[in-house]
Amino acid sequence: LCASNLPWDLDSALLRRLEKRIFVPLPGPEARKAIVMKHLTEDRAPGLDLDSLGAKMEGFSGSDVVLLCKEAAMRPLRRIMKQLESGELSGERVRLGPVTT
């Protein structure tokens, strides 16, 4: 079993040993939108324009979209951690904000 995002870069010796090849195309705009909706729910990212975001991710694989969502979800936490480390906030009343683009 083998998977690659760059099948044209695989060694010919390896390709000879693989019996079947299945091409899985990149997700279309609706699929990218569905992936974002699954990982960035309305309570995490209110007011997110999914149509424009899906268009901007043209050429992204499904795992690229998931990674983008995870990184976006971590931004509020990183912002708070930076403020806590610098002493701008005390740990008493820390509240995460929404994910923003």
N, C-alpha and C. Protein backbone atom coordinates (compact mmCIF):
# COMPACT_ATOMS: atom_id res chain seq x y z
N LEU A 1 0.85 -1.17 0.00
CA LEU A 1 0.00 0.00 0.00
C LEU A 1 0.90 1.23 0.00
N CYS A 2 0.57 2.18 -0.84
CA CYS A 2 1.40 3.37 -0.98
C CYS A 2 0.50 4.55 -1.33
N ALA A 3 0.85 5.72 -0.87
CA ALA A 3 0.10 6.93 -1.22
C ALA A 3 1.10 8.06 -1.45
N SER A 4 0.76 8.93 -2.39
CA SER A 4 1.65 10.04 -2.70
C SER A 4 0.84 11.21 -3.25
N ASN A 5 1.22 12.40 -2.85
CA ASN A 5 0.64 13.60 -3.45
C ASN A 5 1.37 13.97 -4.74
N LEU A 6 2.50 13.34 -4.98
CA LEU A 6 3.31 13.62 -6.17
C LEU A 6 3.63 12.31 -6.90
N PRO A 7 2.63 11.67 -7.50
CA PRO A 7 2.88 10.36 -8.12
C PRO A 7 3.85 10.42 -9.29
N TRP A 8 3.97 11.56 -9.95
CA TRP A 8 4.87 11.69 -11.08
C TRP A 8 6.33 11.72 -10.64
N ASP A 9 6.59 11.91 -9.35
CA ASP A 9 7.96 11.93 -8.84
C ASP A 9 8.41 10.57 -8.28
N LEU A 10 7.54 9.56 -8.36
CA LEU A 10 7.92 8.25 -7.83
C LEU A 10 8.91 7.55 -8.75
N ASP A 11 9.80 6.80 -8.15
CA ASP A 11 10.81 6.05 -8.88
C ASP A 11 10.14 4.97 -9.75
N SER A 12 10.64 4.76 -10.94
CA SER A 12 10.04 3.77 -11.85
C SER A 12 10.16 2.35 -11.28
N ALA A 13 11.21 2.05 -10.53
CA ALA A 13 11.35 0.73 -9.92
C ALA A 13 10.24 0.49 -8.89
N LEU A 14 9.89 1.52 -8.15
CA LEU A 14 8.79 1.40 -7.19
C LEU A 14 7.46 1.24 -7.92
N LEU A 15 7.26 2.00 -8.98
CA LEU A 15 6.00 1.92 -9.72
C LEU A 15 5.78 0.53 -10.32
N ARG A 16 6.84 -0.15 -10.73
CA ARG A 16 6.71 -1.50 -11.28
C ARG A 16 6.18 -2.48 -10.24
N ARG A 17 6.48 -2.24 -8.98
CA ARG A 17 6.08 -3.16 -7.91
C ARG A 17 4.65 -2.91 -7.43
N LEU A 18 4.08 -1.81 -7.80
CA LEU A 18 2.71 -1.50 -7.37
C LEU A 18 1.75 -2.02 -8.44
N GLU A 19 0.86 -2.91 -8.04
CA GLU A 19 -0.02 -3.55 -9.00
C GLU A 19 -1.11 -2.62 -9.52
N LYS A 20 -1.70 -1.85 -8.64
CA LYS A 20 -2.81 -1.00 -9.04
C LYS A 20 -2.50 0.46 -8.71
N ARG A 21 -3.03 1.31 -9.53
CA ARG A 21 -2.89 2.75 -9.28
C ARG A 21 -4.28 3.36 -9.30
N ILE A 22 -4.61 4.06 -8.26
CA ILE A 22 -5.91 4.73 -8.15
C ILE A 22 -5.64 6.22 -7.99
N PHE A 23 -6.15 6.99 -8.92
CA PHE A 23 -5.98 8.44 -8.86
C PHE A 23 -7.14 9.04 -8.08
N VAL A 24 -6.82 9.75 -7.02
CA VAL A 24 -7.82 10.46 -6.23
C VAL A 24 -7.59 11.94 -6.47
N PRO A 25 -8.50 12.61 -7.16
CA PRO A 25 -8.28 14.02 -7.48
C PRO A 25 -8.37 14.91 -6.25
N LEU A 26 -7.88 16.12 -6.41
CA LEU A 26 -7.97 17.10 -5.33
C LEU A 26 -9.43 17.45 -5.09
N PRO A 27 -9.78 17.82 -3.86
CA PRO A 27 -11.18 18.16 -3.59
C PRO A 27 -11.59 19.43 -4.33
N GLY A 28 -12.84 19.43 -4.78
CA GLY A 28 -13.40 20.60 -5.45
C GLY A 28 -13.84 21.64 -4.43
N PRO A 29 -14.40 22.74 -4.91
CA PRO A 29 -14.81 23.82 -3.99
C PRO A 29 -15.80 23.37 -2.92
N GLU A 30 -16.79 22.56 -3.30
CA GLU A 30 -17.78 22.10 -2.32
C GLU A 30 -17.16 21.15 -1.29
N ALA A 31 -16.25 20.30 -1.73
CA ALA A 31 -15.58 19.38 -0.80
C ALA A 31 -14.69 20.15 0.17
N ARG A 32 -13.97 21.16 -0.34
CA ARG A 32 -13.13 21.98 0.55
C ARG A 32 -13.99 22.71 1.57
N LYS A 33 -15.13 23.21 1.11
CA LYS A 33 -16.06 23.91 1.99
C LYS A 33 -16.57 22.96 3.08
N ALA A 34 -16.89 21.72 2.71
CA ALA A 34 -17.38 20.74 3.68
C ALA A 34 -16.30 20.39 4.70
N ILE A 35 -15.05 20.29 4.26
CA ILE A 35 -13.96 19.99 5.19
C ILE A 35 -13.79 21.12 6.19
N VAL A 36 -13.85 22.36 5.71
CA VAL A 36 -13.72 23.52 6.61
C VAL A 36 -14.88 23.55 7.59
N MET A 37 -16.10 23.28 7.10
CA MET A 37 -17.28 23.29 7.98
C MET A 37 -17.15 22.22 9.07
N LYS A 38 -16.54 21.08 8.74
CA LYS A 38 -16.38 20.02 9.72
C LYS A 38 -15.38 20.41 10.81
N HIS A 39 -14.31 21.09 10.43
CA HIS A 39 -13.24 21.38 11.39
C HIS A 39 -13.36 22.75 12.06
N LEU A 40 -13.98 23.70 11.40
CA LEU A 40 -14.18 25.02 12.00
C LEU A 40 -15.68 25.29 12.08
N THR A 41 -16.29 24.82 13.14
CA THR A 41 -17.73 24.98 13.30
C THR A 41 -18.08 26.45 13.54
N GLU A 42 -19.36 26.76 13.46
CA GLU A 42 -19.84 28.14 13.59
C GLU A 42 -19.48 28.74 14.94
N ASP A 43 -19.46 27.93 15.99
CA ASP A 43 -19.10 28.49 17.30
C ASP A 43 -17.61 28.78 17.42
N ARG A 44 -16.78 28.09 16.64
CA ARG A 44 -15.33 28.35 16.65
C ARG A 44 -14.94 29.50 15.74
N ALA A 45 -15.63 29.61 14.61
CA ALA A 45 -15.27 30.63 13.62
C ALA A 45 -16.55 31.30 13.11
N PRO A 46 -17.16 32.16 13.91
CA PRO A 46 -18.41 32.79 13.48
C PRO A 46 -18.19 33.75 12.32
N GLY A 47 -19.12 33.73 11.39
CA GLY A 47 -19.08 34.67 10.27
C GLY A 47 -18.04 34.35 9.21
N LEU A 48 -17.55 33.13 9.18
CA LEU A 48 -16.54 32.74 8.21
C LEU A 48 -17.17 32.62 6.83
N ASP A 49 -16.60 33.28 5.83
CA ASP A 49 -17.10 33.23 4.45
C ASP A 49 -16.53 31.99 3.78
N LEU A 50 -17.29 30.91 3.83
CA LEU A 50 -16.81 29.62 3.34
C LEU A 50 -16.63 29.60 1.82
N ASP A 51 -17.46 30.34 1.10
CA ASP A 51 -17.34 30.34 -0.36
C ASP A 51 -16.02 30.96 -0.82
N SER A 52 -15.68 32.11 -0.26
CA SER A 52 -14.43 32.76 -0.67
C SER A 52 -13.22 31.98 -0.16
N LEU A 53 -13.34 31.39 1.02
CA LEU A 53 -12.25 30.59 1.56
C LEU A 53 -12.03 29.34 0.71
N GLY A 54 -13.12 28.70 0.29
CA GLY A 54 -13.00 27.53 -0.57
C GLY A 54 -12.35 27.87 -1.90
N ALA A 55 -12.66 29.05 -2.44
CA ALA A 55 -12.05 29.48 -3.71
C ALA A 55 -10.56 29.78 -3.54
N LYS A 56 -10.18 30.33 -2.40
CA LYS A 56 -8.77 30.65 -2.16
C LYS A 56 -7.90 29.41 -1.97
N MET A 57 -8.53 28.29 -1.65
CA MET A 57 -7.78 27.06 -1.40
C MET A 57 -7.72 26.17 -2.64
N GLU A 58 -7.89 26.73 -3.80
CA GLU A 58 -7.78 25.98 -5.05
C GLU A 58 -6.40 25.32 -5.13
N GLY A 59 -6.37 24.02 -5.41
CA GLY A 59 -5.11 23.30 -5.49
C GLY A 59 -4.68 22.66 -4.17
N PHE A 60 -5.40 22.89 -3.09
CA PHE A 60 -5.09 22.28 -1.80
C PHE A 60 -5.60 20.84 -1.78
N SER A 61 -4.85 19.94 -1.16
CA SER A 61 -5.35 18.59 -0.95
C SER A 61 -6.25 18.60 0.29
N GLY A 62 -6.92 17.49 0.52
CA GLY A 62 -7.77 17.40 1.71
C GLY A 62 -6.97 17.56 2.99
N SER A 63 -5.79 16.95 3.03
CA SER A 63 -4.97 17.08 4.24
C SER A 63 -4.44 18.51 4.39
N ASP A 64 -4.21 19.21 3.28
CA ASP A 64 -3.79 20.62 3.35
C ASP A 64 -4.89 21.46 3.99
N VAL A 65 -6.14 21.21 3.61
CA VAL A 65 -7.27 21.96 4.15
C VAL A 65 -7.42 21.68 5.64
N VAL A 66 -7.29 20.42 6.04
CA VAL A 66 -7.39 20.06 7.46
C VAL A 66 -6.28 20.75 8.25
N LEU A 67 -5.06 20.74 7.74
CA LEU A 67 -3.95 21.39 8.42
C LEU A 67 -4.18 22.89 8.55
N LEU A 68 -4.71 23.52 7.50
CA LEU A 68 -5.03 24.94 7.56
C LEU A 68 -6.06 25.22 8.65
N CYS A 69 -7.08 24.37 8.76
CA CYS A 69 -8.10 24.55 9.80
C CYS A 69 -7.51 24.40 11.19
N LYS A 70 -6.64 23.42 11.37
CA LYS A 70 -6.01 23.22 12.68
C LYS A 70 -5.14 24.41 13.06
N GLU A 71 -4.39 24.92 12.10
CA GLU A 71 -3.55 26.08 12.38
C GLU A 71 -4.40 27.30 12.71
N ALA A 72 -5.50 27.48 11.98
CA ALA A 72 -6.39 28.62 12.26
C ALA A 72 -7.02 28.49 13.64
N ALA A 73 -7.38 27.28 14.03
CA ALA A 73 -7.98 27.06 15.34
C ALA A 73 -6.99 27.32 16.47
N MET A 74 -5.71 27.16 16.20
CA MET A 74 -4.69 27.38 17.24
C MET A 74 -4.32 28.85 17.41
N ARG A 75 -4.67 29.70 16.46
CA ARG A 75 -4.27 31.11 16.54
C ARG A 75 -4.74 31.81 17.81
N PRO A 76 -6.02 31.68 18.22
CA PRO A 76 -6.43 32.35 19.47
C PRO A 76 -5.64 31.86 20.68
N LEU A 77 -5.36 30.56 20.73
CA LEU A 77 -4.59 30.03 21.86
C LEU A 77 -3.17 30.56 21.85
N ARG A 78 -2.55 30.61 20.69
CA ARG A 78 -1.19 31.15 20.60
C ARG A 78 -1.16 32.62 21.01
N ARG A 79 -2.19 33.37 20.63
CA ARG A 79 -2.27 34.78 21.00
C ARG A 79 -2.32 34.93 22.51
N ILE A 80 -3.13 34.12 23.18
CA ILE A 80 -3.25 34.19 24.63
C ILE A 80 -1.97 33.74 25.31
N MET A 81 -1.37 32.66 24.80
CA MET A 81 -0.11 32.18 25.39
C MET A 81 0.97 33.26 25.30
N LYS A 82 1.02 33.96 24.19
CA LYS A 82 2.01 35.03 24.04
C LYS A 82 1.76 36.14 25.06
N GLN A 83 0.48 36.50 25.26
CA GLN A 83 0.14 37.53 26.23
C GLN A 83 0.44 37.07 27.66
N LEU A 84 0.18 35.81 27.96
CA LEU A 84 0.48 35.29 29.30
C LEU A 84 1.97 35.28 29.57
N GLU A 85 2.75 34.87 28.58
CA GLU A 85 4.20 34.81 28.75
C GLU A 85 4.81 36.19 28.89
N SER A 86 4.23 37.19 28.22
CA SER A 86 4.78 38.54 28.32
C SER A 86 4.28 39.28 29.57
N GLY A 87 3.29 38.71 30.26
CA GLY A 87 2.78 39.35 31.47
C GLY A 87 1.64 40.31 31.22
N GLU A 88 1.15 40.40 29.99
CA GLU A 88 0.04 41.30 29.68
C GLU A 88 -1.27 40.82 30.30
N LEU A 89 -1.42 39.51 30.46
CA LEU A 89 -2.63 38.92 31.04
C LEU A 89 -2.27 38.14 32.28
N SER A 90 -3.20 38.10 33.22
CA SER A 90 -3.04 37.18 34.34
C SER A 90 -3.85 35.93 34.02
N GLY A 91 -3.54 34.83 34.65
CA GLY A 91 -4.20 33.57 34.35
C GLY A 91 -5.59 33.43 34.94
N GLU A 92 -6.10 34.47 35.62
CA GLU A 92 -7.38 34.36 36.31
C GLU A 92 -8.57 34.30 35.35
N ARG A 93 -8.66 35.23 34.42
CA ARG A 93 -9.83 35.33 33.55
C ARG A 93 -9.40 35.33 32.09
N VAL A 94 -8.88 34.23 31.63
CA VAL A 94 -8.44 34.12 30.24
C VAL A 94 -9.57 33.51 29.45
N ARG A 95 -9.89 34.14 28.31
CA ARG A 95 -10.97 33.64 27.45
C ARG A 95 -10.48 33.60 26.01
N LEU A 96 -10.69 32.47 25.35
CA LEU A 96 -10.31 32.34 23.95
C LEU A 96 -11.28 33.11 23.08
N GLY A 97 -10.75 33.81 22.10
CA GLY A 97 -11.59 34.49 21.14
C GLY A 97 -11.89 33.59 19.96
N PRO A 98 -12.67 34.07 18.99
CA PRO A 98 -13.00 33.25 17.82
C PRO A 98 -11.82 33.16 16.85
N VAL A 99 -11.91 32.19 15.97
CA VAL A 99 -10.93 32.05 14.89
C VAL A 99 -11.24 33.11 13.86
N THR A 100 -10.22 33.86 13.43
CA THR A 100 -10.43 34.90 12.43
C THR A 100 -9.54 34.62 11.23
N THR A 101 -9.94 35.17 10.09
CA THR A 101 -9.15 34.97 8.87
C THR A 101 -8.16 36.08 8.70
